[in-house]
Amino acid sequence: MNAVARVEEWADNHHPVWLDYLRIILGLLIVVRCFSFAANQAVVTNFLLSHRLEYLTFMGAQYLILIGIGGGILIAFGLLTRFAALVNLPIVIGTLFFVHVRGGLTFLNTDVFISLAVLILLLMYIVFGSGIISFDSYYKTHNDV
């Protein structure tokens, strides 16, 4: 048995139910943040242009919104949770380094702490998976679907 399968088996056996509720909240938080991101596209476009990232202006913003909303929904429902968390990981890391670190690491900048919490939770769900209250668990137990 390789290391990934052993970690997955251990995580499935040691997954408390409260982590499922936290996963649902995390997925909804990601979806809400992406909708607020979509509502403020002018600010995002100006930010990208000011950092000489012209090639990312329109298509990059649309890609980030699509990945964030899709990944957040998958995480909330517990469907392909590890994959969705892995896909959202570069977006959160990019947000931390390009947006929040430039704003300063102070206690007044609460968005840094929210992004760090989301990063830690995404890493945790890459390891632990979706849990019992999820579509992944339902599909594992019901082979007829």
Protein backbone atom coordinates (compact mmCIF):
# COMPACT_ATOMS: atom_id res chain seq x y z
CA MET A 1 0.00 0.00 0.00
CA ASN A 2 1.53 3.32 -1.00
CA ALA A 3 1.77 6.35 1.24
CA VAL A 4 -1.13 8.27 -0.35
CA ALA A 5 -3.52 5.36 0.13
CA ARG A 6 -2.40 4.93 3.75
CA VAL A 7 -2.92 8.64 4.49
CA GLU A 8 -6.34 8.53 2.82
CA GLU A 9 -7.35 5.45 4.83
CA TRP A 10 -6.12 7.01 8.09
CA ALA A 11 -7.94 10.27 7.34
CA ASP A 12 -11.18 8.45 6.55
CA ASN A 13 -11.01 6.58 9.87
CA HIS A 14 -10.18 9.70 11.94
CA HIS A 15 -12.60 12.24 10.45
CA PRO A 16 -14.86 13.92 13.01
CA VAL A 17 -18.31 15.08 11.87
CA TRP A 18 -17.69 18.73 12.83
CA LEU A 19 -15.11 18.87 10.03
CA ASP A 20 -17.95 18.18 7.58
CA TYR A 21 -19.87 21.21 8.81
CA LEU A 22 -16.69 23.29 8.62
CA ARG A 23 -16.20 22.05 5.03
CA ILE A 24 -19.69 23.19 4.09
CA ILE A 25 -19.06 26.63 5.61
CA LEU A 26 -15.70 26.86 3.81
CA GLY A 27 -17.29 26.03 0.46
CA LEU A 28 -20.01 28.63 0.96
CA LEU A 29 -17.42 31.22 2.04
CA ILE A 30 -15.42 30.61 -1.13
CA VAL A 31 -18.55 30.98 -3.28
CA VAL A 32 -19.56 34.23 -1.55
CA ARG A 33 -16.03 35.67 -1.91
CA CYS A 34 -16.03 34.81 -5.61
CA PHE A 35 -19.38 36.51 -6.13
CA SER A 36 -18.04 39.64 -4.39
CA PHE A 37 -14.95 39.34 -6.58
CA ALA A 38 -17.21 39.22 -9.66
CA ALA A 39 -19.19 42.24 -8.47
CA ASN A 40 -15.99 44.33 -8.18
CA GLN A 41 -14.32 43.42 -11.46
CA ALA A 42 -13.32 47.03 -12.16
CA VAL A 43 -11.25 47.09 -8.98
CA VAL A 44 -9.69 43.74 -9.85
CA THR A 45 -8.87 44.86 -13.39
CA ASN A 46 -7.22 48.04 -12.08
CA PHE A 47 -5.24 45.99 -9.57
CA LEU A 48 -3.99 43.63 -12.28
CA LEU A 49 -3.07 46.51 -14.58
CA SER A 50 -1.20 48.34 -11.81
CA HIS A 51 0.94 45.24 -11.17
CA ARG A 52 1.80 44.80 -14.86
CA LEU A 53 -0.34 41.71 -15.23
CA GLU A 54 -2.19 42.90 -18.35
CA TYR A 55 -2.51 39.42 -19.79
CA LEU A 56 -4.56 38.37 -16.77
CA THR A 57 -7.08 41.19 -16.84
CA PHE A 58 -10.26 39.82 -18.35
CA MET A 59 -9.67 36.13 -18.98
CA GLY A 60 -7.75 35.65 -15.73
CA ALA A 61 -10.47 37.27 -13.66
CA GLN A 62 -13.14 35.13 -15.35
CA TYR A 63 -11.06 32.00 -14.80
CA LEU A 64 -10.55 32.78 -11.12
CA ILE A 65 -14.27 33.43 -10.64
CA LEU A 66 -15.25 30.22 -12.44
CA ILE A 67 -12.75 28.07 -10.55
CA GLY A 68 -13.65 29.65 -7.23
CA ILE A 69 -17.41 29.26 -7.61
CA GLY A 70 -17.16 25.74 -9.03
CA GLY A 71 -14.63 24.65 -6.44
CA GLY A 72 -16.58 26.21 -3.60
CA ILE A 73 -19.74 24.40 -4.65
CA LEU A 74 -17.87 21.09 -4.94
CA ILE A 75 -16.30 21.61 -1.51
CA ALA A 76 -19.66 22.53 0.07
CA PHE A 77 -21.37 19.43 -1.33
CA GLY A 78 -18.41 17.17 -0.64
CA LEU A 79 -18.03 16.08 -4.24
CA LEU A 80 -14.42 15.65 -5.45
CA THR A 81 -13.35 17.57 -2.34
CA ARG A 82 -9.63 16.86 -2.57
CA PHE A 83 -9.53 17.88 -6.23
CA ALA A 84 -11.56 21.07 -5.62
CA ALA A 85 -9.36 22.05 -2.68
CA LEU A 86 -6.24 21.39 -4.74
CA VAL A 87 -7.52 23.55 -7.60
CA ASN A 88 -8.42 26.41 -5.24
CA LEU A 89 -5.05 26.25 -3.47
CA PRO A 90 -3.06 28.32 -6.04
CA ILE A 91 -5.77 30.98 -6.06
CA VAL A 92 -5.59 31.42 -2.27
CA ILE A 93 -1.79 31.38 -2.28
CA GLY A 94 -1.77 33.99 -5.06
CA THR A 95 -4.24 36.10 -3.11
CA LEU A 96 -2.03 35.95 -0.05
CA PHE A 97 1.16 36.94 -1.85
CA PHE A 98 -0.13 39.41 -4.43
CA VAL A 99 -2.91 41.13 -2.52
CA HIS A 100 -2.60 40.77 1.24
CA VAL A 101 1.15 40.84 1.79
CA ARG A 102 1.39 44.12 -0.12
CA GLY A 103 -1.27 45.55 2.20
CA GLY A 104 0.86 44.79 5.22
CA LEU A 105 0.78 42.07 7.83
CA THR A 106 -0.90 43.96 10.64
CA PHE A 107 -3.67 43.01 13.02
CA LEU A 108 -5.87 45.60 11.30
CA ASN A 109 -5.68 43.69 8.01
CA THR A 110 -8.15 40.90 8.86
CA ASP A 111 -8.33 39.65 5.27
CA VAL A 112 -4.85 38.19 5.70
CA PHE A 113 -6.04 36.04 8.59
CA ILE A 114 -9.15 34.94 6.70
CA SER A 115 -7.01 33.95 3.70
CA LEU A 116 -4.57 32.10 5.95
CA ALA A 117 -7.46 30.24 7.58
CA VAL A 118 -8.85 29.31 4.16
CA LEU A 119 -5.38 28.14 3.09
CA ILE A 120 -5.01 25.96 6.18
CA LEU A 121 -8.50 24.54 5.73
CA LEU A 122 -7.88 23.75 2.07
CA LEU A 123 -4.67 21.93 2.99
CA MET A 124 -6.54 20.06 5.70
CA TYR A 125 -9.28 18.95 3.29
CA ILE A 126 -6.68 17.81 0.76
CA VAL A 127 -5.46 15.40 3.46
CA PHE A 128 -8.73 14.55 5.25
CA GLY A 129 -11.10 14.50 2.30
CA SER A 130 -14.81 15.12 2.42
CA GLY A 131 -16.05 13.04 5.36
CA ILE A 132 -19.30 11.26 6.08
CA ILE A 133 -21.74 14.06 5.23
CA SER A 134 -20.84 14.31 1.55
CA PHE A 135 -21.67 13.06 -1.91
CA ASP A 136 -18.31 11.29 -2.01
CA SER A 137 -19.29 9.19 0.99
CA TYR A 138 -22.73 8.54 -0.47
CA TYR A 139 -21.25 7.29 -3.75
CA LYS A 140 -18.79 5.04 -1.89
CA THR A 141 -21.55 3.36 0.12
CA HIS A 142 -24.14 3.12 -2.67
CA ASN A 143 -22.62 1.16 -5.52
CA ASP A 144 -25.85 1.20 -7.54
CA VAL A 145 -25.58 4.92 -8.31
